[in-house]
Protein backbone atom coordinates (compact mmCIF):
# COMPACT_ATOMS: atom_id res chain seq x y z
CA MET A 1 142.80 -134.26 -53.74
CA THR A 2 144.67 -137.47 -52.44
CA ASP A 3 146.54 -137.72 -49.22
CA HIS A 4 149.79 -139.08 -50.60
CA PRO A 5 152.78 -136.77 -50.44
CA PRO A 6 153.86 -135.34 -53.82
CA ASP A 7 156.85 -136.56 -55.58
CA LEU A 8 159.57 -134.16 -57.01
CA ALA A 9 158.06 -134.80 -60.46
CA GLU A 10 154.65 -133.36 -59.37
CA ILE A 11 156.44 -130.37 -57.71
CA GLN A 12 158.37 -129.69 -60.79
CA LYS A 13 155.21 -129.86 -63.00
CA ALA A 14 153.53 -127.17 -60.90
CA ILE A 15 156.25 -124.65 -61.44
CA ARG A 16 155.11 -122.60 -64.49
CA SER A 17 157.81 -121.19 -66.90
CA ILE A 18 157.01 -117.65 -67.94
CA PRO A 19 159.03 -116.52 -71.06
CA ASP A 20 160.54 -112.95 -71.28
CA PHE A 21 159.61 -112.08 -67.65
CA PRO A 22 160.68 -109.73 -66.23
CA LYS A 23 162.57 -108.93 -69.42
CA ALA A 24 163.44 -110.46 -72.71
CA GLY A 25 165.38 -113.62 -72.71
CA ILE A 26 164.66 -114.52 -69.09
CA ILE A 27 162.49 -117.59 -68.48
CA PHE A 28 160.76 -116.81 -65.02
CA LYS A 29 160.04 -119.82 -62.76
CA ASP A 30 156.51 -119.01 -61.29
CA ILE A 31 155.85 -120.90 -58.09
CA THR A 32 152.46 -119.58 -57.44
CA PRO A 33 150.76 -122.60 -58.91
CA LEU A 34 152.71 -124.81 -56.44
CA LEU A 35 151.79 -122.42 -53.39
CA ALA A 36 148.07 -122.48 -54.42
CA ASP A 37 148.04 -126.32 -53.98
CA ALA A 38 147.89 -127.22 -50.20
CA ARG A 39 149.24 -130.74 -50.89
CA LEU A 40 152.17 -129.55 -53.12
CA PHE A 41 153.01 -126.77 -50.76
CA ALA A 42 153.09 -129.05 -47.66
CA GLY A 43 154.99 -131.60 -49.56
CA THR A 44 157.57 -129.01 -50.61
CA ILE A 45 158.14 -127.94 -47.03
CA ASP A 46 158.47 -131.59 -46.06
CA LEU A 47 161.10 -131.93 -48.66
CA LEU A 48 163.04 -128.84 -47.78
CA THR A 49 163.11 -129.84 -44.12
CA ALA A 50 163.69 -133.65 -44.58
CA LYS A 51 167.22 -133.67 -43.35
CA HIS A 52 166.33 -131.92 -40.08
CA ALA A 53 164.14 -133.07 -37.14
CA PRO A 54 162.27 -130.66 -34.84
CA GLY A 55 164.70 -129.51 -32.16
CA THR A 56 167.92 -129.81 -34.35
CA VAL A 57 167.58 -126.37 -35.89
CA ASP A 58 167.34 -123.14 -33.88
CA ALA A 59 166.55 -120.81 -36.59
CA VAL A 60 165.36 -120.86 -40.30
CA VAL A 61 166.65 -117.92 -42.18
CA GLY A 62 164.59 -116.91 -45.20
CA ILE A 63 165.82 -114.60 -47.96
CA ASP A 64 163.72 -111.64 -49.19
CA ALA A 65 161.12 -112.26 -50.51
CA ARG A 66 159.84 -115.55 -51.76
CA GLY A 67 162.25 -117.47 -49.57
CA PHE A 68 160.14 -115.98 -46.65
CA ILE A 69 157.28 -118.16 -47.66
CA PHE A 70 159.13 -121.55 -47.45
CA ALA A 71 161.28 -120.39 -44.59
CA ALA A 72 158.61 -119.38 -42.31
CA ALA A 73 156.60 -122.58 -42.94
CA ALA A 74 159.76 -124.58 -42.30
CA ALA A 75 160.46 -122.87 -39.11
CA LEU A 76 157.01 -123.91 -37.89
CA LYS A 77 157.56 -127.44 -38.83
CA LEU A 78 160.78 -127.67 -37.17
CA HIS A 79 159.81 -125.73 -34.03
CA ALA A 80 162.47 -123.11 -34.82
CA GLY A 81 162.49 -119.43 -34.97
CA PHE A 82 162.10 -117.50 -38.22
CA VAL A 83 164.70 -114.89 -39.25
CA PRO A 84 164.35 -112.61 -42.36
CA VAL A 85 167.19 -111.42 -44.48
CA ARG A 86 165.74 -108.25 -46.21
CA LYS A 87 166.99 -105.79 -48.64
CA LYS A 88 168.87 -102.91 -47.28
CA GLY A 89 166.64 -100.31 -45.48
CA LYS A 90 163.69 -102.64 -44.85
CA LEU A 91 164.38 -103.66 -41.35
CA PRO A 92 163.56 -101.28 -38.49
CA TYR A 93 166.31 -102.11 -35.96
CA GLN A 94 169.96 -102.07 -36.09
CA THR A 95 171.50 -104.36 -38.65
CA HIS A 96 174.47 -105.95 -40.15
CA GLU A 97 174.61 -105.58 -43.85
CA GLN A 98 176.46 -107.52 -46.64
CA ASP A 99 177.07 -106.37 -50.21
CA TYR A 100 176.85 -108.68 -53.18
CA GLU A 101 177.51 -108.53 -56.83
CA LEU A 102 174.70 -108.19 -59.40
CA GLU A 103 175.21 -108.50 -63.12
CA TYR A 104 175.51 -104.67 -63.41
CA GLY A 105 176.48 -103.28 -59.88
CA THR A 106 175.86 -104.35 -56.42
CA ALA A 107 173.00 -104.89 -53.92
CA THR A 108 172.90 -105.12 -50.15
CA VAL A 109 170.99 -107.37 -47.67
CA ALA A 110 170.58 -106.87 -44.01
CA MET A 111 169.70 -108.96 -40.83
CA HIS A 112 169.09 -107.60 -37.45
CA VAL A 113 172.12 -107.50 -35.17
CA ASP A 114 170.27 -109.70 -32.54
CA ALA A 115 168.56 -112.15 -34.94
CA LEU A 116 170.80 -115.00 -33.98
CA LYS A 117 172.71 -116.18 -30.87
CA PRO A 118 176.20 -117.31 -31.33
CA GLY A 119 176.22 -121.00 -32.00
CA SER A 120 172.78 -120.91 -33.41
CA ARG A 121 172.07 -123.91 -35.71
CA VAL A 122 170.69 -122.52 -38.90
CA LEU A 123 168.74 -123.77 -41.87
CA LEU A 124 168.88 -121.21 -44.74
CA ILE A 125 166.21 -121.32 -47.25
CA ASP A 126 165.34 -119.59 -50.46
CA ASP A 127 163.06 -120.29 -53.45
CA LEU A 128 165.71 -120.10 -56.13
CA LEU A 129 169.42 -120.48 -56.60
CA ALA A 130 170.71 -118.58 -59.64
CA THR A 131 174.16 -117.07 -59.48
CA GLY A 132 174.51 -117.56 -55.63
CA GLY A 133 175.27 -113.97 -54.81
CA THR A 134 172.24 -113.40 -52.58
CA ALA A 135 172.65 -116.76 -50.73
CA ALA A 136 176.27 -116.11 -50.26
CA ALA A 137 175.64 -112.75 -48.74
CA ALA A 138 172.95 -114.17 -46.40
CA ALA A 139 175.41 -116.92 -45.42
CA ALA A 140 177.90 -114.15 -44.59
CA LEU A 141 175.32 -112.41 -42.42
CA VAL A 142 174.60 -115.63 -40.56
CA GLY A 143 178.46 -115.99 -40.04
CA LYS A 144 178.84 -112.46 -38.66
CA LEU A 145 176.27 -113.29 -35.96
CA GLY A 146 178.08 -116.59 -35.19
CA GLY A 147 175.54 -118.81 -36.66
CA GLU A 148 176.45 -122.33 -37.89
CA ILE A 149 174.61 -123.06 -41.34
CA LEU A 150 173.76 -126.68 -41.35
CA GLU A 151 172.43 -126.43 -44.78
CA ILE A 152 171.11 -124.06 -47.56
CA ALA A 153 168.02 -125.47 -49.14
CA PHE A 154 166.42 -124.16 -52.42
CA LEU A 155 163.20 -125.25 -54.15
CA ILE A 156 164.80 -124.44 -57.51
CA GLU A 157 168.28 -124.42 -58.77
CA LEU A 158 169.22 -122.89 -62.15
CA GLY A 159 172.42 -125.05 -62.73
CA PHE A 160 173.75 -123.45 -65.79
CA LEU A 161 174.33 -120.25 -63.68
CA ASN A 162 176.72 -122.12 -61.36
CA GLY A 163 175.55 -120.65 -58.09
CA ARG A 164 176.97 -123.32 -56.01
CA GLN A 165 180.38 -122.20 -56.71
CA LYS A 166 179.75 -119.09 -54.37
CA LEU A 167 178.43 -121.41 -51.53
CA LYS A 168 181.49 -123.69 -51.33
CA GLY A 169 182.03 -125.24 -47.97
CA ILE A 170 178.27 -125.06 -47.07
CA PRO A 171 175.94 -128.16 -47.73
CA VAL A 172 173.61 -127.05 -50.51
CA ARG A 173 170.52 -128.93 -51.77
CA SER A 174 167.88 -128.06 -54.10
CA LEU A 175 164.57 -129.88 -54.95
CA VAL A 176 164.34 -129.15 -58.61
CA SER A 177 167.13 -128.30 -61.15
CA TYR A 178 167.00 -126.66 -64.50
């Protein structure tokens, strides 16, 4: 292993494409090889947090479930708190909830009512931007608590699904696009 930080090409090369998972016609982007390589994982966290210095972010909000991996590590790097956005029914305390559209039906995400203080500077992180519904719902929850989203950062963006359109007015950055 070398000590130099990885570039985006190395990070993208570590993301494995799995055809027909979880169902036919889907090409799943498997991040586990990236996570298994300490240098690539650390470099990914560095890139996701590059626009933010320690002390400039109050909370890093991560979206259930793979977003937790990146958001928790980013929170440590930025000396910020970590706040999970979970699927409905998974948080033990009082929550705010936000519905969002799926291809067929709706889903709901939740955040504890006391997870953020009004005026909190928030970095929202998830592993993947697809249609944007989950990220938009998480952003709405941050807004309900009075948080200010500095940026939404993603490891991967599936640009052909136009998820950014649901996040208008919020700075969005992704490291790898397909």
